[in-house]
Amino acid sequence: MLINIRIADANIAFEDDIMKTIGLGSCVAVTLHDREKKIGGMIHFMLPSKVFSKSFFNPYKYCDTGLSSLIMEMEQLGARKYRMEAKLVGGANMFSVFIKNIEESIGYRNIEMAKKILRENRIPVTAEDTGSDYSRSVEFTVKTGIIKVTSYKNGETQY
């Protein structure tokens, strides 16, 4: 079954499922995969932390709350952190004309926060297609753990 992940959304899937998200500019998608149990998760978050917004609280809008929630929810379904692998996609600096210092961009801060949360949970990042100045879409096949990243700049790449 195809499971679409929207902006500020996350979901969990199983062996025969494919997860997909589109339009990753400064947003980041993180895929988590427990190869042994064939459980996968994906989050498409917008901001690194809730401190960047005063709007209605949706935990999946933010990396710090959303990624932690996704990890916990996967564990409740039988996945284990020590078996998980992560892949990161997105985090572009879509406004490079205005933001010259890359570390000031939301995309960069999103990538760094995702890596921090994964490090804290001892989940290795096994592939990354992040940064630069263009958007991406990603499709994650849970059975194999392979992600397919599509962009106008690089076409299609598998990790």
Protein backbone atom coordinates (compact mmCIF):
# COMPACT_ATOMS: atom_id res chain seq x y z
CA MET A 1 0.00 0.00 0.00
CA LEU A 2 1.19 3.53 -0.78
CA ILE A 3 1.22 5.82 2.24
CA ASN A 4 1.53 9.54 1.51
CA ILE A 5 3.22 11.67 4.14
CA ARG A 6 2.18 15.32 4.08
CA ILE A 7 4.08 18.31 5.46
CA ALA A 8 4.18 18.21 9.28
CA ASP A 9 3.17 14.55 9.21
CA ALA A 10 4.61 11.13 10.04
CA ASN A 11 3.52 7.54 9.74
CA ILE A 12 4.65 3.95 10.26
CA ALA A 13 4.52 1.22 7.64
CA PHE A 14 5.23 -2.47 7.28
CA GLU A 15 6.85 -4.88 4.84
CA ASP A 16 4.61 -4.49 1.79
CA ASP A 17 4.16 -0.72 2.12
CA ILE A 18 5.77 2.20 0.31
CA MET A 19 5.91 5.64 1.92
CA LYS A 20 6.18 8.81 -0.13
CA THR A 21 6.52 12.54 0.47
CA ILE A 22 6.95 15.39 -1.98
CA GLY A 23 8.07 19.00 -1.93
CA LEU A 24 11.02 18.89 0.47
CA GLY A 25 12.58 22.33 0.26
CA SER A 26 13.97 23.45 3.61
CA CYS A 27 11.82 20.72 5.20
CA VAL A 28 13.50 17.40 5.98
CA ALA A 29 12.22 13.85 5.65
CA VAL A 30 13.77 11.23 7.91
CA THR A 31 13.16 7.57 7.18
CA LEU A 32 13.70 4.99 9.91
CA HIS A 33 14.03 1.30 9.12
CA ASP A 34 14.17 -1.80 11.31
CA ARG A 35 15.40 -4.33 8.75
CA GLU A 36 14.75 -7.36 10.96
CA LYS A 37 11.10 -6.53 11.75
CA LYS A 38 10.45 -4.85 8.36
CA ILE A 39 9.01 -1.78 10.08
CA GLY A 40 9.57 1.66 8.60
CA GLY A 41 8.73 5.17 9.61
CA MET A 42 8.86 8.52 7.88
CA ILE A 43 8.49 12.08 9.11
CA HIS A 44 8.31 15.27 7.00
CA PHE A 45 9.01 18.11 9.42
CA MET A 46 9.20 21.85 8.78
CA LEU A 47 11.18 23.33 11.66
CA PRO A 48 13.96 22.12 13.98
CA SER A 49 12.18 22.95 17.24
CA LYS A 50 8.89 24.22 18.67
CA VAL A 51 10.72 27.39 19.77
CA PHE A 52 10.58 28.52 16.11
CA SER A 53 6.78 28.78 16.14
CA LYS A 54 3.96 30.06 18.28
CA SER A 55 1.19 28.39 16.28
CA PHE A 56 -0.98 25.39 17.13
CA PHE A 57 1.18 22.52 18.39
CA ASN A 58 1.52 19.62 15.97
CA PRO A 59 4.49 17.50 17.15
CA TYR A 60 5.32 16.39 13.59
CA LYS A 61 5.85 19.97 12.46
CA TYR A 62 9.06 20.04 14.52
CA CYS A 63 12.05 17.72 14.45
CA ASP A 64 12.70 17.62 18.18
CA THR A 65 9.19 16.52 19.14
CA GLY A 66 8.18 14.67 15.97
CA LEU A 67 11.23 12.50 15.40
CA SER A 68 11.30 11.46 19.06
CA SER A 69 7.59 10.58 18.89
CA LEU A 70 8.08 8.54 15.71
CA ILE A 71 10.92 6.54 17.27
CA MET A 72 8.80 5.81 20.36
CA GLU A 73 5.76 4.81 18.27
CA MET A 74 7.88 2.43 16.17
CA GLU A 75 9.22 0.81 19.33
CA GLN A 76 5.67 0.28 20.56
CA LEU A 77 5.07 -1.74 17.37
CA GLY A 78 8.13 -3.95 17.84
CA ALA A 79 10.98 -2.01 16.23
CA ARG A 80 14.12 -1.43 18.30
CA LYS A 81 16.41 1.61 18.23
CA TYR A 82 19.53 -0.58 18.16
CA ARG A 83 18.31 -2.12 14.87
CA MET A 84 17.14 1.13 13.25
CA GLU A 85 18.90 2.94 10.44
CA ALA A 86 18.06 6.47 9.32
CA LYS A 87 18.21 8.26 5.99
CA LEU A 88 17.84 12.06 5.62
CA VAL A 89 16.49 13.98 2.63
CA GLY A 90 15.90 17.72 2.13
CA GLY A 91 17.09 20.67 4.17
CA ALA A 92 17.79 22.88 1.17
CA ASN A 93 18.58 26.58 1.45
CA MET A 94 15.72 27.70 -0.77
CA PHE A 95 16.47 31.39 -0.18
CA SER A 96 20.22 31.42 -0.86
CA VAL A 97 19.83 34.85 -2.48
CA PHE A 98 18.90 36.26 0.94
CA ILE A 99 20.76 33.92 3.29
CA LYS A 100 24.48 33.89 2.61
CA ASN A 101 25.55 32.21 5.87
CA ILE A 102 24.31 28.62 5.44
CA GLU A 103 24.16 28.07 9.21
CA GLU A 104 21.40 30.68 9.43
CA SER A 105 19.11 28.78 7.06
CA ILE A 106 16.18 26.73 8.33
CA GLY A 107 17.26 23.84 6.07
CA TYR A 108 20.67 23.63 7.73
CA ARG A 109 19.18 23.85 11.22
CA ASN A 110 16.65 21.13 10.32
CA ILE A 111 19.43 18.77 9.20
CA GLU A 112 21.51 19.47 12.30
CA MET A 113 18.57 18.89 14.67
CA ALA A 114 17.70 15.59 12.96
CA LYS A 115 21.30 14.40 13.32
CA LYS A 116 21.34 15.47 16.99
CA ILE A 117 18.14 13.53 17.82
CA LEU A 118 19.41 10.46 15.94
CA ARG A 119 22.80 10.66 17.71
CA GLU A 120 21.06 10.89 21.09
CA ASN A 121 19.10 7.75 20.20
CA ARG A 122 22.19 5.99 18.79
CA ILE A 123 20.52 5.52 15.39
CA PRO A 124 23.08 5.67 12.56
CA VAL A 125 22.52 7.77 9.44
CA THR A 126 23.27 5.43 6.54
CA ALA A 127 22.42 7.81 3.68
CA GLU A 128 21.85 11.49 3.18
CA ASP A 129 20.67 13.68 0.29
CA THR A 130 20.54 17.09 1.94
CA GLY A 131 21.44 20.74 1.53
CA SER A 132 22.06 22.63 -1.71
CA ASP A 133 19.31 24.87 -3.12
CA TYR A 134 16.67 22.63 -4.73
CA SER A 135 13.64 20.64 -3.64
CA ARG A 136 13.32 16.86 -3.54
CA SER A 137 10.73 14.12 -3.22
CA VAL A 138 11.35 10.73 -1.61
CA GLU A 139 9.84 7.26 -1.85
CA PHE A 140 10.71 4.64 0.81
CA THR A 141 10.20 0.91 0.20
CA VAL A 142 9.90 -0.69 3.63
CA LYS A 143 10.68 -4.25 2.50
CA THR A 144 14.15 -3.31 1.22
CA GLY A 145 14.86 -0.12 3.16
CA ILE A 146 15.73 1.61 -0.13
CA ILE A 147 14.78 5.22 -0.67
CA LYS A 148 14.40 6.79 -4.10
CA VAL A 149 15.07 10.54 -4.17
CA THR A 150 13.81 12.58 -7.11
CA SER A 151 14.84 16.15 -7.93
CA TYR A 152 14.94 18.34 -11.00
CA LYS A 153 18.70 18.83 -10.50
CA ASN A 154 19.83 15.21 -10.08
CA GLY A 155 16.95 13.22 -11.53
CA GLU A 156 16.48 10.00 -9.57
CA THR A 157 18.95 8.53 -7.06
CA GLN A 158 18.59 5.46 -4.85
CA TYR A 159 20.09 4.99 -1.39
